[in-house]
Amino acid sequence: MKIWNGYGSEHSMNLVLIGKFKRAQDADKVEKDIGRLRSQASKDDSHSIPFGQPEDHRFSDEMLLLLRSLKINTLAPSDLGQFVSDHSLQREDDQITVTTDEAEVSAFLKLFIEAGAKVEVFSAHDYPPEFDGAGHQEE
């Protein structure tokens, strides 16, 4: 008889990541960069990188060219799968909001901070939509 030990959870993170940028142009650039990174990450099958052998944890040549052209230096190969994971991205003027059930949002966080955004991360389980952005209940 074989006994399997593993970890699993049906509980989602329900994370909300809000980046407030100094200018709407900065938010626009980050939104476009995320779209380009998502497209290339999808072509590269990047969601499988963290599960591969250590020698497979590297950027494709095309991704390296894209990262250089976008002047992004903080992402690791293991971050790229986050762009193809199930998430929602909404932009309004100088603010980008990412919502996801995933626990890992460091790729978005890195891009936001690199572009000079003020970032807020919280669980919508604890702060549902009836709370304002500062975690206070709206009246």
C-alpha atoms as a PDB file:
ATOM      1  CA  MET A   1       0.000   0.000   0.000  1.00  0.00           C
ATOM      2  CA  LYS A   2       1.278   3.463  -0.916  1.00  0.00           C
ATOM      3  CA  ILE A   3       0.399   6.495   1.194  1.00  0.00           C
ATOM      4  CA  TRP A   4       0.462   9.886  -0.486  1.00  0.00           C
ATOM      5  CA  ASN A   5       1.260  12.980   1.483  1.00  0.00           C
ATOM      6  CA  GLY A   6       0.428  16.221  -0.193  1.00  0.00           C
ATOM      7  CA  TYR A   7      -0.971  19.648   0.242  1.00  0.00           C
ATOM      8  CA  GLY A   8      -4.104  20.947  -1.353  1.00  0.00           C
ATOM      9  CA  SER A   9      -6.604  23.627  -0.647  1.00  0.00           C
ATOM     10  CA  GLU A  10      -9.889  24.728  -2.058  1.00  0.00           C
ATOM     11  CA  HIS A  11      -9.464  28.102  -0.366  1.00  0.00           C
ATOM     12  CA  SER A  12      -8.604  30.878  -2.798  1.00  0.00           C
ATOM     13  CA  MET A  13      -6.534  33.896  -1.864  1.00  0.00           C
ATOM     14  CA  ASN A  14      -8.935  36.380  -3.491  1.00  0.00           C
ATOM     15  CA  LEU A  15      -6.089  38.913  -3.652  1.00  0.00           C
ATOM     16  CA  VAL A  16      -6.443  42.479  -4.805  1.00  0.00           C
ATOM     17  CA  LEU A  17      -3.323  44.357  -5.896  1.00  0.00           C
ATOM     18  CA  ILE A  18      -3.730  48.075  -6.543  1.00  0.00           C
ATOM     19  CA  GLY A  19      -0.997  50.180  -8.095  1.00  0.00           C
ATOM     20  CA  LYS A  20      -1.455  53.947  -7.987  1.00  0.00           C
ATOM     21  CA  PHE A  21       0.977  55.577 -10.403  1.00  0.00           C
ATOM     22  CA  LYS A  22       2.238  59.168 -10.459  1.00  0.00           C
ATOM     23  CA  ARG A  23       0.948  59.666 -13.994  1.00  0.00           C
ATOM     24  CA  ALA A  24      -1.652  57.969 -16.180  1.00  0.00           C
ATOM     25  CA  GLN A  25       1.074  57.450 -18.825  1.00  0.00           C
ATOM     26  CA  ASP A  26       3.020  55.296 -16.350  1.00  0.00           C
ATOM     27  CA  ALA A  27      -0.033  53.104 -15.739  1.00  0.00           C
ATOM     28  CA  ASP A  28      -0.626  52.888 -19.483  1.00  0.00           C
ATOM     29  CA  LYS A  29       2.954  51.741 -20.097  1.00  0.00           C
ATOM     30  CA  VAL A  30       2.790  49.087 -17.354  1.00  0.00           C
ATOM     31  CA  GLU A  31      -0.559  47.826 -18.686  1.00  0.00           C
ATOM     32  CA  LYS A  32       0.944  47.471 -22.178  1.00  0.00           C
ATOM     33  CA  ASP A  33       4.113  45.839 -20.786  1.00  0.00           C
ATOM     34  CA  ILE A  34       2.000  43.275 -18.912  1.00  0.00           C
ATOM     35  CA  GLY A  35       0.134  42.486 -22.135  1.00  0.00           C
ATOM     36  CA  ARG A  36       3.382  41.944 -24.038  1.00  0.00           C
ATOM     37  CA  LEU A  37       4.865  39.843 -21.209  1.00  0.00           C
ATOM     38  CA  ARG A  38       1.670  37.767 -20.979  1.00  0.00           C
ATOM     39  CA  SER A  39       1.742  37.114 -24.711  1.00  0.00           C
ATOM     40  CA  GLN A  40       5.386  36.006 -24.720  1.00  0.00           C
ATOM     41  CA  ALA A  41       4.999  34.006 -21.486  1.00  0.00           C
ATOM     42  CA  SER A  42       2.081  32.171 -23.054  1.00  0.00           C
ATOM     43  CA  LYS A  43       4.149  31.337 -26.142  1.00  0.00           C
ATOM     44  CA  ASP A  44       6.988  30.156 -23.884  1.00  0.00           C
ATOM     45  CA  ASP A  45       4.686  27.971 -21.764  1.00  0.00           C
ATOM     46  CA  SER A  46       6.068  29.865 -18.757  1.00  0.00           C
ATOM     47  CA  HIS A  47       3.572  28.471 -16.274  1.00  0.00           C
ATOM     48  CA  SER A  48       5.486  25.179 -16.353  1.00  0.00           C
ATOM     49  CA  ILE A  49       8.934  26.672 -15.550  1.00  0.00           C
ATOM     50  CA  PRO A  50       8.653  26.482 -11.728  1.00  0.00           C
ATOM     51  CA  PHE A  51       7.812  22.780 -12.006  1.00  0.00           C
ATOM     52  CA  GLY A  52      10.715  21.906 -14.297  1.00  0.00           C
ATOM     53  CA  GLN A  53      14.231  20.873 -13.493  1.00  0.00           C
ATOM     54  CA  PRO A  54      16.505  23.665 -12.196  1.00  0.00           C
ATOM     55  CA  GLU A  55      18.371  23.834 -15.492  1.00  0.00           C
ATOM     56  CA  ASP A  56      15.049  24.664 -17.198  1.00  0.00           C
ATOM     57  CA  HIS A  57      14.515  27.775 -15.035  1.00  0.00           C
ATOM     58  CA  ARG A  58      15.643  30.281 -17.650  1.00  0.00           C
ATOM     59  CA  PHE A  59      14.275  32.829 -20.086  1.00  0.00           C
ATOM     60  CA  SER A  60      13.664  32.041 -23.735  1.00  0.00           C
ATOM     61  CA  ASP A  61      15.711  34.114 -26.180  1.00  0.00           C
ATOM     62  CA  GLU A  62      12.542  35.945 -27.209  1.00  0.00           C
ATOM     63  CA  MET A  63      11.674  36.756 -23.587  1.00  0.00           C
ATOM     64  CA  LEU A  64      15.198  38.054 -22.952  1.00  0.00           C
ATOM     65  CA  LEU A  65      14.874  40.380 -25.951  1.00  0.00           C
ATOM     66  CA  LEU A  66      11.492  41.583 -24.728  1.00  0.00           C
ATOM     67  CA  LEU A  67      12.720  42.169 -21.160  1.00  0.00           C
ATOM     68  CA  ARG A  68      15.702  44.139 -22.498  1.00  0.00           C
ATOM     69  CA  SER A  69      13.514  46.233 -24.784  1.00  0.00           C
ATOM     70  CA  LEU A  70      11.130  46.998 -21.891  1.00  0.00           C
ATOM     71  CA  LYS A  71      14.117  47.696 -19.576  1.00  0.00           C
ATOM     72  CA  ILE A  72      12.802  45.252 -16.969  1.00  0.00           C
ATOM     73  CA  ASN A  73      15.536  43.751 -14.800  1.00  0.00           C
ATOM     74  CA  THR A  74      13.745  42.475 -11.703  1.00  0.00           C
ATOM     75  CA  LEU A  75      11.776  39.508 -13.036  1.00  0.00           C
ATOM     76  CA  ALA A  76      12.967  35.924 -12.643  1.00  0.00           C
ATOM     77  CA  PRO A  77      11.973  33.085 -14.976  1.00  0.00           C
ATOM     78  CA  SER A  78       9.748  31.673 -12.233  1.00  0.00           C
ATOM     79  CA  ASP A  79       7.785  34.980 -12.109  1.00  0.00           C
ATOM     80  CA  LEU A  80       6.598  34.740 -15.702  1.00  0.00           C
ATOM     81  CA  GLY A  81       3.875  32.151 -15.083  1.00  0.00           C
ATOM     82  CA  GLN A  82       1.985  34.761 -13.068  1.00  0.00           C
ATOM     83  CA  PHE A  83       1.209  36.662 -16.262  1.00  0.00           C
ATOM     84  CA  VAL A  84      -0.582  33.652 -17.746  1.00  0.00           C
ATOM     85  CA  SER A  85      -2.292  32.624 -14.502  1.00  0.00           C
ATOM     86  CA  ASP A  86      -5.969  33.366 -14.005  1.00  0.00           C
ATOM     87  CA  HIS A  87      -6.226  37.035 -13.092  1.00  0.00           C
ATOM     88  CA  SER A  88      -8.175  40.147 -13.960  1.00  0.00           C
ATOM     89  CA  LEU A  89      -6.509  43.460 -14.745  1.00  0.00           C
ATOM     90  CA  GLN A  90      -8.426  46.720 -14.802  1.00  0.00           C
ATOM     91  CA  ARG A  91      -6.977  50.130 -15.469  1.00  0.00           C
ATOM     92  CA  GLU A  92      -8.584  53.450 -14.669  1.00  0.00           C
ATOM     93  CA  ASP A  93      -6.528  56.576 -15.329  1.00  0.00           C
ATOM     94  CA  ASP A  94      -3.420  56.335 -13.099  1.00  0.00           C
ATOM     95  CA  GLN A  95      -4.457  53.143 -11.294  1.00  0.00           C
ATOM     96  CA  ILE A  96      -4.190  49.456 -12.163  1.00  0.00           C
ATOM     97  CA  THR A  97      -6.062  46.826 -10.159  1.00  0.00           C
ATOM     98  CA  VAL A  98      -5.187  43.141 -10.440  1.00  0.00           C
ATOM     99  CA  THR A  99      -7.469  40.559  -8.849  1.00  0.00           C
ATOM    100  CA  THR A 100      -6.556  36.883  -8.602  1.00  0.00           C
ATOM    101  CA  ASP A 101      -7.133  33.746  -6.560  1.00  0.00           C
ATOM    102  CA  GLU A 102      -3.408  32.979  -6.776  1.00  0.00           C
ATOM    103  CA  ALA A 103      -1.077  33.570  -3.822  1.00  0.00           C
ATOM    104  CA  GLU A 104       1.856  34.716  -5.940  1.00  0.00           C
ATOM    105  CA  VAL A 105       1.684  38.281  -7.312  1.00  0.00           C
ATOM    106  CA  SER A 106       5.344  39.277  -7.047  1.00  0.00           C
ATOM    107  CA  ALA A 107       5.731  39.799 -10.809  1.00  0.00           C
ATOM    108  CA  PHE A 108       2.991  42.437 -10.839  1.00  0.00           C
ATOM    109  CA  LEU A 109       4.345  43.950  -7.627  1.00  0.00           C
ATOM    110  CA  LYS A 110       7.840  44.254  -9.140  1.00  0.00           C
ATOM    111  CA  LEU A 111       6.538  45.947 -12.299  1.00  0.00           C
ATOM    112  CA  PHE A 112       4.376  48.371 -10.334  1.00  0.00           C
ATOM    113  CA  ILE A 113       7.155  49.380  -7.952  1.00  0.00           C
ATOM    114  CA  GLU A 114       9.721  49.680 -10.753  1.00  0.00           C
ATOM    115  CA  ALA A 115       7.364  52.137 -12.452  1.00  0.00           C
ATOM    116  CA  GLY A 116       7.077  54.220  -9.274  1.00  0.00           C
ATOM    117  CA  ALA A 117       3.633  53.110  -8.119  1.00  0.00           C
ATOM    118  CA  LYS A 118       2.318  53.140  -4.598  1.00  0.00           C
ATOM    119  CA  VAL A 119       1.086  49.572  -4.055  1.00  0.00           C
ATOM    120  CA  GLU A 120      -1.596  48.090  -1.840  1.00  0.00           C
ATOM    121  CA  VAL A 121      -2.209  44.327  -1.520  1.00  0.00           C
ATOM    122  CA  PHE A 122      -5.045  42.758   0.458  1.00  0.00           C
ATOM    123  CA  SER A 123      -7.490  39.867   0.509  1.00  0.00           C
ATOM    124  CA  ALA A 124     -11.015  40.677  -0.629  1.00  0.00           C
ATOM    125  CA  HIS A 125     -12.108  38.029   1.887  1.00  0.00           C
ATOM    126  CA  ASP A 126     -11.076  40.425   4.655  1.00  0.00           C
ATOM    127  CA  TYR A 127     -11.895  43.649   2.809  1.00  0.00           C
ATOM    128  CA  PRO A 128     -14.831  43.013   0.493  1.00  0.00           C
ATOM    129  CA  PRO A 129     -15.994  45.595  -2.074  1.00  0.00           C
ATOM    130  CA  GLU A 130     -18.140  47.472   0.478  1.00  0.00           C
ATOM    131  CA  PHE A 131     -14.848  48.594   2.069  1.00  0.00           C
ATOM    132  CA  ASP A 132     -13.043  51.559   0.549  1.00  0.00           C
ATOM    133  CA  GLY A 133      -9.428  51.292  -0.671  1.00  0.00           C
ATOM    134  CA  ALA A 134      -8.077  52.082   2.807  1.00  0.00           C
ATOM    135  CA  GLY A 135      -9.919  49.149   4.416  1.00  0.00           C
ATOM    136  CA  HIS A 136     -12.627  51.305   5.995  1.00  0.00           C
ATOM    137  CA  GLN A 137     -16.266  50.369   5.660  1.00  0.00           C
ATOM    138  CA  GLU A 138     -18.173  52.758   3.413  1.00  0.00           C
ATOM    139  CA  GLU A 139     -21.280  54.349   4.841  1.00  0.00           C
END
